[in-house]
Protein backbone atom coordinates (compact mmCIF):
# COMPACT_ATOMS: atom_id res chain seq x y z
CA MET A 1 78.90 94.81 91.78
CA THR A 2 80.79 91.71 92.91
CA PHE A 3 83.84 91.80 95.15
CA GLY A 4 86.87 93.01 93.24
CA GLU A 5 84.86 94.39 90.32
CA GLN A 6 85.73 97.95 89.37
CA PRO A 7 83.06 100.65 89.44
CA ALA A 8 81.81 101.54 85.97
CA TYR A 9 83.43 104.97 85.91
CA LEU A 10 86.86 103.45 86.64
CA ARG A 11 86.44 100.88 83.87
CA VAL A 12 85.55 103.64 81.40
CA ALA A 13 88.42 105.80 82.62
CA GLY A 14 90.78 102.82 82.32
CA ASP A 15 89.82 102.19 78.69
CA LEU A 16 90.21 105.86 77.79
CA ARG A 17 93.54 105.92 79.63
CA ARG A 18 94.73 102.93 77.59
CA LYS A 19 93.82 104.74 74.37
CA ILE A 20 95.77 107.81 75.50
CA VAL A 21 98.82 105.75 76.46
CA ASP A 22 98.90 103.64 73.27
CA GLY A 23 98.36 106.67 71.04
CA SER A 24 94.83 105.91 69.87
CA LEU A 25 93.98 109.28 71.40
CA PRO A 26 97.15 111.27 70.67
CA PRO A 27 98.13 114.55 72.37
CA HIS A 28 95.95 117.58 71.54
CA THR A 29 93.09 115.29 70.41
CA ARG A 30 89.71 116.25 71.79
CA LEU A 31 88.43 113.76 74.37
CA PRO A 32 85.10 112.14 73.41
CA SER A 33 82.22 114.20 74.75
CA GLN A 34 80.18 113.11 77.73
CA ALA A 35 77.34 112.12 75.39
CA ARG A 36 79.71 110.10 73.19
CA ILE A 37 81.15 108.27 76.19
CA ARG A 38 77.64 107.51 77.41
CA GLU A 39 76.66 106.03 74.07
CA GLU A 40 79.89 104.15 73.36
CA TYR A 41 80.15 102.50 76.78
CA GLY A 42 76.45 102.22 77.58
CA VAL A 43 76.73 104.13 80.83
CA SER A 44 74.88 106.97 82.50
CA ASP A 45 75.78 110.66 82.27
CA THR A 46 77.02 110.47 85.86
CA VAL A 47 79.42 107.63 85.05
CA ALA A 48 80.68 109.41 81.93
CA LEU A 49 81.27 112.59 83.89
CA GLU A 50 83.12 110.78 86.71
CA ALA A 51 85.36 108.98 84.18
CA ARG A 52 86.33 112.32 82.64
CA LYS A 53 87.04 113.69 86.12
CA VAL A 54 89.42 110.79 86.80
CA LEU A 55 91.42 111.51 83.65
CA MET A 56 91.49 115.20 84.52
CA ALA A 57 92.75 114.47 88.05
CA GLU A 58 95.48 112.21 86.64
CA GLY A 59 96.67 115.03 84.41
CA LEU A 60 96.02 113.06 81.22
CA VAL A 61 93.56 115.60 79.84
CA GLU A 62 92.99 119.32 80.26
CA GLY A 63 90.02 121.59 79.80
CA ARG A 64 90.25 124.50 77.37
CA SER A 65 87.82 127.33 77.99
CA GLY A 66 85.02 127.35 75.44
CA SER A 67 86.58 124.52 73.46
CA GLY A 68 86.35 121.26 75.35
CA THR A 69 88.65 118.70 76.95
CA TYR A 70 91.84 117.62 75.20
CA VAL A 71 94.55 115.01 75.70
CA ARG A 72 97.64 116.53 77.28
CA GLU A 73 101.10 115.97 75.89
CA GLN A 74 102.91 113.98 78.56
CA PRO A 75 106.46 115.06 79.44
CA VAL A 76 109.29 112.53 79.42
CA PRO A 77 110.57 112.40 83.03
CA ARG A 78 114.12 113.66 83.50
CA ARG A 79 116.49 112.98 86.37
CA VAL A 80 117.44 115.34 89.14
CA HIS A 81 120.75 114.05 90.48
CA ARG A 82 121.38 113.94 94.21
CA SER A 83 124.77 112.89 95.50
CA ALA A 84 127.14 113.14 98.42
CA TYR A 85 128.57 116.63 98.86
CA ARG A 86 131.89 117.28 97.17
CA SER A 87 133.60 120.56 97.97
CA ALA A 88 133.88 122.49 94.74
CA GLY A 89 134.84 126.01 95.73
CA SER A 90 131.90 128.20 94.83
CA SER A 91 129.66 125.39 93.59
CA THR A 92 126.17 125.05 95.06
CA PRO A 93 124.44 121.62 95.20
CA PHE A 94 122.20 122.76 92.32
CA ARG A 95 125.26 123.59 90.20
CA GLN A 96 126.77 120.20 91.02
CA GLU A 97 123.56 118.40 90.07
CA GLN A 98 123.24 120.36 86.84
CA ALA A 99 126.86 119.63 85.92
CA GLU A 100 126.33 115.91 86.44
CA ALA A 101 123.29 116.04 84.17
CA GLY A 102 125.11 118.12 81.54
CA ALA A 103 122.53 120.88 81.90
CA ARG A 104 122.75 124.64 82.26
CA GLY A 105 120.62 126.00 85.03
CA THR A 106 119.69 129.45 86.29
CA TRP A 107 117.72 130.63 89.28
CA ASP A 108 116.03 133.58 90.95
CA SER A 109 116.12 134.11 94.69
CA SER A 110 114.91 136.47 97.40
CA SER A 111 115.84 136.56 101.09
CA GLU A 112 114.12 138.09 104.11
CA ARG A 113 114.30 137.92 107.89
CA VAL A 114 111.27 136.16 109.39
CA GLU A 115 110.21 134.39 112.58
CA ALA A 116 110.66 130.62 112.48
CA PRO A 117 107.35 128.69 112.25
CA GLU A 118 106.98 125.83 114.71
CA GLU A 119 107.87 123.06 112.22
CA ILE A 120 110.97 124.89 110.95
CA ALA A 121 112.04 125.75 114.50
CA GLU A 122 111.86 122.06 115.41
CA ARG A 123 114.00 121.10 112.42
CA LEU A 124 116.59 123.76 113.31
CA GLY A 125 116.54 123.04 117.05
CA ILE A 126 115.54 126.60 117.93
CA ALA A 127 112.50 128.16 119.60
CA PRO A 128 109.41 129.02 117.52
CA GLY A 129 109.54 132.71 116.70
CA ASP A 130 113.34 132.89 116.68
CA ARG A 131 114.64 134.93 113.77
CA VAL A 132 115.78 133.12 110.65
CA MET A 133 116.85 134.11 107.16
CA ARG A 134 114.35 132.66 104.69
CA THR A 135 115.45 132.39 101.07
CA ARG A 136 113.12 131.35 98.28
CA TYR A 137 114.41 130.03 94.96
CA VAL A 138 112.98 129.21 91.57
CA PHE A 139 115.41 126.99 89.64
CA ARG A 140 115.22 126.72 85.85
CA ASP A 141 116.69 124.35 83.29
CA ALA A 142 116.90 125.85 79.79
CA GLY A 143 114.43 128.51 80.95
CA GLU A 144 111.84 126.00 82.18
CA PRO A 145 110.92 126.11 85.89
CA MET A 146 112.02 122.77 87.30
CA MET A 147 112.35 123.12 91.05
CA LEU A 148 111.40 125.38 93.96
CA SER A 149 113.32 125.65 97.19
CA THR A 150 112.80 127.50 100.45
CA SER A 151 115.65 127.51 102.94
CA TRP A 152 115.87 128.76 106.51
CA GLU A 153 119.08 129.59 108.39
CA PRO A 154 119.13 130.61 112.08
CA LEU A 155 120.30 134.20 112.46
CA SER A 156 121.80 133.08 115.77
CA VAL A 157 124.33 131.28 113.52
CA THR A 158 124.75 133.57 110.51
CA GLY A 159 123.55 136.95 111.79
CA ARG A 160 126.10 139.77 111.57
CA THR A 161 128.46 137.58 109.52
CA PRO A 162 129.58 137.88 105.87
CA VAL A 163 127.37 134.86 104.97
CA MET A 164 124.11 136.12 106.45
CA LEU A 165 122.61 136.51 102.95
CA PRO A 166 123.02 133.25 100.97
CA GLU A 167 123.07 134.94 97.56
CA GLU A 168 124.88 138.18 98.41
CA GLY A 169 128.22 139.25 99.83
CA PRO A 170 131.68 137.74 99.30
CA LEU A 171 130.34 134.16 99.36
CA GLY A 172 127.03 134.82 97.64
CA GLY A 173 125.91 131.80 95.62
CA CYS A 174 128.26 129.40 97.38
CA GLY A 175 126.93 126.19 98.88
CA VAL A 176 125.99 125.87 102.54
CA VAL A 177 129.11 123.82 103.35
CA ASP A 178 131.52 126.43 101.99
CA ARG A 179 129.59 129.34 103.49
CA MET A 180 129.55 127.78 106.94
CA ALA A 181 133.25 126.94 106.68
CA ALA A 182 133.88 130.66 106.22
CA ILE A 183 132.50 131.27 109.73
CA ASP A 184 134.39 128.29 111.21
CA LEU A 185 131.52 125.81 111.20
CA VAL A 186 132.31 122.41 109.69
CA VAL A 187 129.25 120.81 108.14
CA ASP A 188 129.66 117.08 108.69
CA ASN A 189 126.20 115.62 108.09
CA VAL A 190 123.15 116.18 105.92
CA VAL A 191 119.76 114.52 106.25
CA GLU A 192 117.23 114.31 103.42
CA GLU A 193 113.65 113.08 103.75
CA VAL A 194 111.65 112.56 100.55
CA GLY A 195 107.87 112.63 100.41
CA ALA A 196 105.06 113.31 97.96
CA ARG A 197 101.87 115.35 98.17
CA PRO A 198 99.49 117.33 95.92
CA GLY A 199 101.15 120.55 94.85
CA LEU A 200 99.90 123.79 96.38
CA ALA A 201 98.26 126.24 93.99
CA ASP A 202 101.13 128.74 94.12
CA GLU A 203 103.73 125.98 93.66
CA LEU A 204 102.01 124.56 90.59
CA HIS A 205 101.55 128.05 89.17
CA ALA A 206 105.29 128.72 89.53
CA LEU A 207 106.20 125.31 88.06
CA GLY A 208 103.70 125.39 85.21
CA GLY A 209 101.83 122.37 86.54
CA VAL A 210 98.20 121.31 86.48
CA PRO A 211 96.00 121.67 89.60
CA GLY A 212 95.99 118.40 91.53
CA HIS A 213 99.39 117.26 90.26
CA VAL A 214 101.71 115.57 92.73
CA VAL A 215 105.03 117.09 93.74
CA LEU A 216 108.07 115.49 95.36
CA VAL A 217 109.27 117.29 98.48
CA ILE A 218 112.82 116.90 99.77
CA GLY A 219 113.24 118.09 103.34
CA ARG A 220 116.97 118.70 103.72
CA THR A 221 118.91 119.75 106.84
CA TYR A 222 122.64 120.47 107.18
CA PHE A 223 124.35 119.84 110.53
CA ALA A 224 127.65 120.99 112.00
CA SER A 225 128.69 118.96 115.06
CA GLY A 226 125.05 118.07 115.70
CA ARG A 227 123.76 121.64 115.31
CA ALA A 228 121.40 122.37 112.44
CA VAL A 229 122.72 125.30 110.41
CA GLU A 230 120.27 125.23 107.50
CA THR A 231 117.06 123.45 106.57
CA ALA A 232 115.20 123.58 103.27
CA ASP A 233 112.20 122.22 101.41
CA VAL A 234 112.84 121.42 97.76
CA VAL A 235 109.72 120.98 95.58
CA ILE A 236 109.90 119.12 92.25
CA PRO A 237 107.00 118.22 89.88
CA ALA A 238 106.68 114.43 90.03
CA ASP A 239 105.38 114.06 86.47
CA ARG A 240 108.45 115.70 84.95
CA TYR A 241 111.36 114.66 87.14
CA ARG A 242 112.77 111.64 88.96
CA LEU A 243 115.24 111.75 91.83
CA ALA A 244 118.46 109.83 91.14
CA TYR A 245 120.65 109.27 94.19
CA HIS A 246 124.36 108.51 93.89
CA LEU A 247 125.62 107.41 97.30
CA PRO A 248 129.15 106.22 98.07
CA VAL A 249 129.71 102.84 99.71
CA ARG A 250 131.91 103.21 102.77
């Protein structure tokens, strides 16, 4: 193989990928068998197998037990809107984003008191093991799971207050800014860091994704006068959604 030349399995995978993208192999069509790939491209069984593995890892095909490997129907990516916070009474950021997209979202949540892991403690500026309220969410758009979120709030801030439980009490379901204002904390800054990684098995199961698929992770932290009052990890399937940021120019 000369410098710059692709390995045989990547060349075969690339040609099959092109056929999937241009519709020559439409969704739900059975992928050519390993023997057929070997014959058509003049390659070994090993090369044919590795090419199929590439397409599987890219989420272009899926295996069906006892039936074979088929071309997956690819979703059309939709936008998840992120914008500067605008106070809206009882509106959460998710409700704001859904309203901007003209969508109707629902969610499930559960909260529990836990000890802060080291990474979360660092983000909140507290000691590892300090008590926090952890709340896990599954957000849905038209019934389809679209986003997961896990938030942590220091109980040294919210403990024994009406806003200790984010989804219960007089301000249940309100956004962090409004909830903190109710206990005389003015949120004046929010930091978001966006990254990507392979989805964890439980995340992909909850989101209806394929093992090996990439997810976008937004690490978000709210601050009040330099003190972190909430931090969260938001997980979004990268093949189905794009982040769209709307930021004001000051």
